[in-house]
Amino acid sequence: MLNLALFGAGRIGQIHAKNISLHPNCCLAYVIDMNDVVAQQTAEKYGAQAVSVDQALADPRVDAVLICSITETHADLIELAAKAGKAIFCEKPVDLSIERVDACLAVVKKANVPLMMAFNRRFDPNFAHLKSVLDSGEMGAVEMLTISSRDPEAPPASYIKSSGGMFRDMSIHDFDVARWLLGEEPVSVYATASAMTSLHVREAGDVDTAIITLTCKSGKMAVITNSRRASYGYDQRVEVHASYGMLTVNNIPESTLSIATSNGMASQKPMAFFLERYAEAYRNELDAFVTGLQSGVENYPIGEDGRKALLIANAALKSLETGNVQTLALD
């Protein structure tokens, strides 16, 4: 049984706290949050203790930490946990500065502790099935990848200012999925984007609508379409065109009900948002982390995957600013 400490008891922290409580091979020992009331309430709900960062990391019974706090705290907490000899699970990104990421990963490497980056989409059963078919070789080589990722609405202005912008916050998941499915590192990125659906996004200097193209040395391409406004729900689709055909993962509807009348046929909307759409993925990624710690096999995205996704995001921003294709050096 692994003892875990949860850093950050906000929206995503609550998801992980619940999943830890349901997992047969781990338990939640400590909850740490800047809001003492939230920390105490979460700890009481799951039979844990609300403590400070230092108290949690000083306890030799703590095997690992889950970092679900605000982005600006990630790198510092990773370093503290690594120096304390704890295994680490961290929500993306490590940091918004690539220099800070590099320094942080150097500390992790020196401490020789596991670091899993929580790119949860890799653990969605549908995406994982697609990946397994690609890896089997039965569809031949990947030639073209299309990823549609569209939120139902833009986040509040307060969030946008600290998130690093659309490419570093939202698109970064798609950059990781693209690397994972392409099976080859992209060598260039070209981005076009605009702020056309949300006034507060425009005022914050960010974008809400984007098309991003990644190209690999072999000629493989990935096209990513992002939007902060999908009036019909949370839009998450992937299409892979390969040598012998096409693979598609479609949206998961709120229910499988369809209605047919003389006026036509209607089906249900996609699930409302990421908490519902990726509920199983969150459970699966925690299980991958726990299983990895118990087996010693890191079958999950690591710190370097987070670093490379951030490099792509930064290059996409540069492409948007300059209007030019940007070269990538990820190998």
Protein backbone atom coordinates (compact mmCIF):
# COMPACT_ATOMS: atom_id res chain seq x y z
CA MET A 1 0.00 0.00 0.00
CA LEU A 2 1.45 3.35 -1.09
CA ASN A 3 0.95 6.47 1.00
CA LEU A 4 0.33 9.61 -1.05
CA ALA A 5 0.36 13.33 -0.27
CA LEU A 6 -1.83 15.63 -2.34
CA PHE A 7 -0.58 19.17 -3.02
CA GLY A 8 -3.52 21.29 -4.14
CA ALA A 9 -7.15 20.47 -3.36
CA GLY A 10 -8.84 22.51 -6.08
CA ARG A 11 -10.88 21.19 -8.97
CA ILE A 12 -8.34 18.70 -10.33
CA GLY A 13 -7.03 17.88 -6.86
CA GLN A 14 -10.53 16.78 -5.84
CA ILE A 15 -10.64 14.38 -8.78
CA HIS A 16 -7.35 12.80 -7.76
CA ALA A 17 -8.30 12.67 -4.08
CA LYS A 18 -11.43 10.70 -4.93
CA ASN A 19 -9.54 8.34 -7.24
CA ILE A 20 -6.88 7.71 -4.59
CA SER A 21 -9.59 6.80 -2.10
CA LEU A 22 -11.01 4.25 -4.53
CA HIS A 23 -7.69 2.68 -5.53
CA PRO A 24 -6.92 -0.64 -3.79
CA ASN A 25 -3.16 -0.10 -3.66
CA CYS A 26 -2.80 3.42 -2.30
CA CYS A 27 -4.23 5.75 0.29
CA LEU A 28 -4.32 9.49 0.83
CA ALA A 29 -2.21 10.34 3.87
CA TYR A 30 -1.94 14.13 3.64
CA VAL A 31 -3.62 17.09 1.97
CA ILE A 32 -1.80 20.40 1.49
CA ASP A 33 -3.54 23.51 0.19
CA MET A 34 -3.06 27.26 0.65
CA ASN A 35 -6.71 27.42 1.69
CA ASP A 36 -6.76 25.86 5.16
CA VAL A 37 -10.51 25.28 5.11
CA VAL A 38 -10.41 23.43 1.79
CA ALA A 39 -7.43 21.36 2.95
CA GLN A 40 -9.18 20.39 6.18
CA GLN A 41 -12.47 19.55 4.47
CA THR A 42 -10.76 17.41 1.85
CA ALA A 43 -8.63 15.63 4.44
CA GLU A 44 -11.67 14.83 6.59
CA LYS A 45 -13.61 13.58 3.58
CA TYR A 46 -10.94 11.04 2.66
CA GLY A 47 -9.52 10.10 6.05
CA ALA A 48 -6.30 12.07 5.63
CA GLN A 49 -4.59 14.87 7.57
CA ALA A 50 -4.25 18.52 6.54
CA VAL A 51 -0.61 19.49 7.03
CA SER A 52 2.12 21.78 5.69
CA VAL A 53 4.44 21.03 2.80
CA ASP A 54 7.36 20.46 5.17
CA GLN A 55 5.39 18.09 7.38
CA ALA A 56 4.28 15.93 4.46
CA LEU A 57 7.73 15.70 2.90
CA ALA A 58 9.41 14.98 6.24
CA ASP A 59 7.28 11.89 6.84
CA PRO A 60 9.23 8.77 5.72
CA ARG A 61 5.97 6.89 5.33
CA VAL A 62 4.98 9.08 2.35
CA ASP A 63 5.94 7.24 -0.82
CA ALA A 64 4.82 9.78 -3.41
CA VAL A 65 3.26 13.20 -3.96
CA LEU A 66 0.62 14.39 -6.40
CA ILE A 67 1.15 18.02 -7.40
CA CYS A 68 -2.17 19.56 -8.42
CA SER A 69 -1.57 23.11 -7.20
CA ILE A 70 -1.35 26.26 -9.34
CA THR A 71 1.23 26.23 -12.14
CA GLU A 72 3.64 28.69 -10.55
CA THR A 73 4.21 26.29 -7.64
CA HIS A 74 4.94 23.14 -9.64
CA ALA A 75 8.69 23.44 -10.14
CA ASP A 76 9.42 24.37 -6.53
CA LEU A 77 7.30 21.51 -5.20
CA ILE A 78 8.87 19.04 -7.61
CA GLU A 79 12.33 20.00 -6.41
CA LEU A 80 11.37 19.79 -2.74
CA ALA A 81 9.77 16.38 -3.25
CA ALA A 82 12.73 15.09 -5.27
CA LYS A 83 15.20 16.16 -2.59
CA ALA A 84 13.01 14.40 -0.02
CA GLY A 85 13.23 11.19 -2.06
CA LYS A 86 9.55 11.07 -3.00
CA ALA A 87 8.12 9.82 -6.28
CA ILE A 88 6.27 12.60 -8.11
CA PHE A 89 3.06 12.88 -10.13
CA CYS A 90 2.58 16.39 -11.52
CA GLU A 91 -0.10 18.12 -13.52
CA LYS A 92 1.17 19.97 -16.58
CA PRO A 93 3.23 22.04 -17.00
CA VAL A 94 6.36 21.82 -14.87
CA ASP A 95 6.68 25.57 -15.42
CA LEU A 96 6.03 28.16 -18.12
CA SER A 97 9.75 28.93 -18.45
CA ILE A 98 11.82 26.33 -20.31
CA GLU A 99 14.90 27.42 -18.35
CA ARG A 100 13.07 26.74 -15.09
CA VAL A 101 11.88 23.38 -16.44
CA ASP A 102 15.44 22.37 -17.33
CA ALA A 103 16.73 23.33 -13.88
CA CYS A 104 13.91 21.43 -12.21
CA LEU A 105 14.40 18.26 -14.25
CA ALA A 106 18.11 18.37 -13.43
CA VAL A 107 17.20 18.20 -9.73
CA VAL A 108 14.88 15.26 -10.38
CA LYS A 109 17.59 13.44 -12.31
CA LYS A 110 20.14 14.00 -9.56
CA ALA A 111 17.71 12.72 -6.93
CA ASN A 112 16.91 9.70 -9.14
CA VAL A 113 13.20 9.71 -8.34
CA PRO A 114 10.28 8.95 -10.71
CA LEU A 115 8.43 11.90 -12.21
CA MET A 116 5.19 11.33 -14.09
CA MET A 117 3.62 14.16 -16.06
CA ALA A 118 -0.17 13.96 -15.97
CA PHE A 119 -0.99 13.98 -19.67
CA ASN A 120 -4.24 12.18 -18.98
CA ARG A 121 -5.40 11.82 -22.58
CA ARG A 122 -2.88 9.04 -23.15
CA PHE A 123 -4.90 7.04 -20.64
CA ASP A 124 -8.30 7.52 -22.22
CA PRO A 125 -9.42 4.00 -23.25
CA ASN A 126 -10.39 5.15 -26.75
CA PHE A 127 -7.13 6.97 -27.45
CA ALA A 128 -5.16 4.08 -25.92
CA HIS A 129 -6.98 1.61 -28.19
CA LEU A 130 -6.13 3.74 -31.22
CA LYS A 131 -2.49 3.82 -30.14
CA SER A 132 -2.37 0.04 -29.69
CA VAL A 133 -3.72 -0.50 -33.22
CA LEU A 134 -1.10 1.88 -34.63
CA ASP A 135 1.66 0.12 -32.70
CA SER A 136 0.53 -3.28 -34.00
CA GLY A 137 1.42 -2.19 -37.54
CA GLU A 138 -1.82 -3.52 -39.01
CA MET A 139 -2.71 -0.10 -40.40
CA GLY A 140 0.74 0.54 -41.85
CA ALA A 141 2.49 3.85 -41.32
CA VAL A 142 0.86 7.00 -39.99
CA GLU A 143 0.67 9.63 -42.71
CA MET A 144 -1.60 12.33 -41.35
CA LEU A 145 -3.09 13.10 -37.95
CA THR A 146 -5.98 15.45 -37.20
CA ILE A 147 -6.81 16.47 -33.64
CA SER A 148 -9.90 18.52 -32.78
CA SER A 149 -9.92 19.90 -29.24
CA ARG A 150 -12.52 22.51 -28.40
CA ASP A 151 -13.72 23.73 -25.03
CA PRO A 152 -17.38 24.69 -24.44
CA GLU A 153 -16.35 28.13 -23.19
CA ALA A 154 -13.30 30.21 -22.36
CA PRO A 155 -11.91 30.20 -18.81
CA PRO A 156 -12.22 33.38 -16.73
CA ALA A 157 -9.78 36.26 -17.21
CA SER A 158 -8.11 35.57 -13.87
CA TYR A 159 -7.18 32.08 -15.05
CA ILE A 160 -5.95 33.16 -18.48
CA LYS A 161 -3.44 35.58 -16.96
CA SER A 162 -1.69 32.83 -14.97
CA SER A 163 -2.13 29.92 -17.38
CA GLY A 164 0.49 30.88 -19.94
CA GLY A 165 -2.09 31.28 -22.69
CA MET A 166 -3.99 28.89 -24.91
CA PHE A 167 -0.98 27.14 -26.44
CA ARG A 168 0.74 26.42 -23.11
CA ASP A 169 -2.44 25.59 -21.23
CA MET A 170 -4.89 23.94 -23.66
CA SER A 171 -3.00 23.02 -26.83
CA ILE A 172 -0.16 21.48 -24.82
CA HIS A 173 -2.32 18.38 -24.30
CA ASP A 174 -2.73 18.09 -28.07
CA PHE A 175 1.00 18.52 -28.64
CA ASP A 176 1.62 15.57 -26.33
CA VAL A 177 -1.03 13.44 -28.02
CA ALA A 178 0.44 14.32 -31.43
CA ARG A 179 3.97 13.27 -30.39
CA TRP A 180 2.58 10.07 -28.88
CA LEU A 181 0.53 9.06 -31.94
CA LEU A 182 2.94 10.18 -34.63
CA GLY A 183 5.70 8.01 -33.18
CA GLU A 184 8.18 10.58 -34.43
CA GLU A 185 9.20 14.01 -33.23
CA PRO A 186 7.94 16.97 -35.26
CA VAL A 187 10.68 19.14 -36.77
CA SER A 188 8.60 22.24 -37.46
CA VAL A 189 5.43 24.02 -36.34
CA TYR A 190 3.24 26.64 -37.97
CA ALA A 191 0.40 28.34 -36.11
CA THR A 192 -2.39 30.72 -37.03
CA ALA A 193 -4.80 31.98 -34.41
CA SER A 194 -7.18 34.76 -33.46
CA ALA A 195 -9.30 36.02 -30.58
CA MET A 196 -12.76 36.06 -32.09
CA THR A 197 -15.15 34.50 -29.58
CA SER A 198 -14.28 35.99 -26.17
CA LEU A 199 -13.66 39.66 -25.47
CA HIS A 200 -11.85 38.99 -22.18
CA VAL A 201 -9.50 36.60 -23.96
CA ARG A 202 -8.60 39.31 -26.47
CA GLU A 203 -8.14 41.87 -23.71
CA ALA A 204 -5.76 39.48 -21.93
CA GLY A 205 -3.63 39.28 -25.09
CA ASP A 206 -4.50 35.63 -25.70
CA VAL A 207 -6.24 33.73 -28.51
CA ASP A 208 -9.31 31.50 -28.53
CA THR A 209 -9.30 30.00 -32.03
CA ALA A 210 -6.27 28.28 -33.58
CA ILE A 211 -5.01 25.93 -36.26
CA ILE A 212 -1.56 24.46 -35.68
CA THR A 213 0.39 22.26 -38.10
CA LEU A 214 3.25 20.00 -37.02
CA THR A 215 5.51 18.38 -39.63
CA CYS A 216 7.94 15.49 -39.10
CA LYS A 217 11.17 14.73 -40.97
CA SER A 218 9.50 11.77 -42.69
CA GLY A 219 6.72 14.03 -44.02
CA LYS A 220 4.09 12.98 -41.49
CA MET A 221 1.84 15.87 -40.49
CA ALA A 222 -0.47 16.65 -37.61
CA VAL A 223 -3.13 19.35 -37.81
CA ILE A 224 -4.58 20.56 -34.52
CA THR A 225 -7.72 22.70 -34.36
CA ASN A 226 -8.48 24.44 -31.06
CA SER A 227 -11.37 26.62 -29.97
CA ARG A 228 -12.50 28.08 -26.67
CA ARG A 229 -16.15 28.06 -27.76
CA ALA A 230 -17.97 24.90 -28.80
CA SER A 231 -21.65 25.61 -28.16
CA TYR A 232 -22.53 21.92 -28.46
CA GLY A 233 -20.23 20.61 -25.69
CA TYR A 234 -16.67 19.41 -25.13
CA ASP A 235 -15.34 18.42 -28.55
CA GLN A 236 -12.54 15.83 -28.48
CA ARG A 237 -11.87 13.93 -31.70
CA VAL A 238 -8.86 12.29 -33.33
CA GLU A 239 -8.45 11.00 -36.87
CA VAL A 240 -5.39 9.11 -38.13
CA HIS A 241 -4.90 8.54 -41.84
CA ALA A 242 -2.52 5.62 -42.36
CA SER A 243 -1.20 3.43 -45.19
CA TYR A 244 -4.09 0.97 -45.08
CA GLY A 245 -6.96 3.10 -43.92
CA MET A 246 -8.21 5.51 -41.30
CA LEU A 247 -8.76 5.33 -37.54
CA THR A 248 -11.15 7.68 -35.79
CA VAL A 249 -12.01 8.42 -32.18
CA ASN A 250 -15.24 10.36 -31.93
CA ASN A 251 -16.86 12.32 -29.13
CA ILE A 252 -18.51 10.49 -26.26
CA PRO A 253 -22.15 11.64 -25.99
CA GLU A 254 -24.01 12.41 -22.78
CA SER A 255 -26.06 9.30 -23.56
CA THR A 256 -26.43 6.89 -26.47
CA LEU A 257 -30.08 7.85 -27.01
CA SER A 258 -31.03 8.81 -30.54
CA ILE A 259 -34.45 10.04 -31.59
CA ALA A 260 -35.90 9.46 -35.04
CA THR A 261 -39.03 11.24 -36.25
CA SER A 262 -40.50 12.37 -39.54
CA ASN A 263 -38.47 15.54 -39.11
CA GLY A 264 -35.16 13.68 -39.00
CA MET A 265 -32.80 12.04 -36.54
CA ALA A 266 -31.19 13.56 -33.45
CA SER A 267 -28.46 12.28 -31.16
CA GLN A 268 -27.13 13.60 -27.85
CA LYS A 269 -24.48 16.28 -27.33
CA PRO A 270 -20.89 15.46 -26.37
CA MET A 271 -20.12 15.34 -22.65
CA ALA A 272 -20.08 18.75 -21.00
CA PHE A 273 -16.38 19.20 -20.14
CA PHE A 274 -13.08 17.49 -19.40
CA LEU A 275 -14.00 16.28 -15.90
CA GLU A 276 -16.77 14.12 -17.37
CA ARG A 277 -15.10 13.23 -20.67
CA TYR A 278 -11.83 12.09 -19.14
CA ALA A 279 -13.09 10.65 -15.83
CA GLU A 280 -11.84 7.16 -16.72
CA ALA A 281 -8.56 8.56 -18.04
CA TYR A 282 -7.90 10.18 -14.65
CA ARG A 283 -8.47 6.85 -12.92
CA ASN A 284 -6.24 5.06 -15.40
CA GLU A 285 -3.36 7.52 -15.12
CA LEU A 286 -3.33 7.19 -11.32
CA ASP A 287 -3.27 3.43 -11.71
CA ALA A 288 -0.36 3.70 -14.18
CA PHE A 289 1.56 5.79 -11.66
CA VAL A 290 0.91 3.41 -8.77
CA THR A 291 1.65 0.33 -10.90
CA GLY A 292 4.83 1.94 -12.16
CA LEU A 293 6.07 2.63 -8.64
CA GLN A 294 5.32 -0.92 -7.55
CA SER A 295 6.87 -2.57 -10.62
CA GLY A 296 9.71 -0.13 -11.26
CA VAL A 297 8.58 0.26 -14.90
CA GLU A 298 7.81 3.83 -16.01
CA ASN A 299 5.04 3.17 -18.53
CA TYR A 300 3.82 6.77 -18.49
CA PRO A 301 4.83 10.25 -19.73
CA ILE A 302 7.83 11.63 -17.84
CA GLY A 303 9.35 15.04 -17.26
CA GLU A 304 11.00 15.10 -20.67
CA ASP A 305 7.60 14.66 -22.32
CA GLY A 306 6.40 17.75 -20.48
CA ARG A 307 9.49 19.62 -21.57
CA LYS A 308 9.02 18.74 -25.24
CA ALA A 309 5.34 19.68 -25.24
CA LEU A 310 6.28 23.07 -23.79
CA LEU A 311 8.96 23.55 -26.46
CA ILE A 312 6.34 22.96 -29.14
CA ALA A 313 3.96 25.40 -27.41
CA ASN A 314 6.67 28.07 -27.26
CA ALA A 315 7.54 27.54 -30.92
CA ALA A 316 3.86 27.75 -31.88
CA LEU A 317 3.64 31.10 -30.08
CA LYS A 318 6.72 32.29 -31.94
CA SER A 319 5.17 31.18 -35.22
CA LEU A 320 2.02 33.11 -34.41
CA GLU A 321 4.01 36.24 -33.56
CA THR A 322 6.22 36.12 -36.66
CA GLY A 323 3.91 34.49 -39.19
CA ASN A 324 6.69 32.02 -40.04
CA VAL A 325 7.24 28.29 -39.69
CA GLN A 326 9.40 27.56 -36.63
CA THR A 327 12.01 24.81 -36.53
CA LEU A 328 11.93 22.31 -33.68
CA ALA A 329 14.85 20.30 -32.28
CA LEU A 330 13.30 17.72 -29.94
CA ASP A 331 15.48 14.66 -30.59
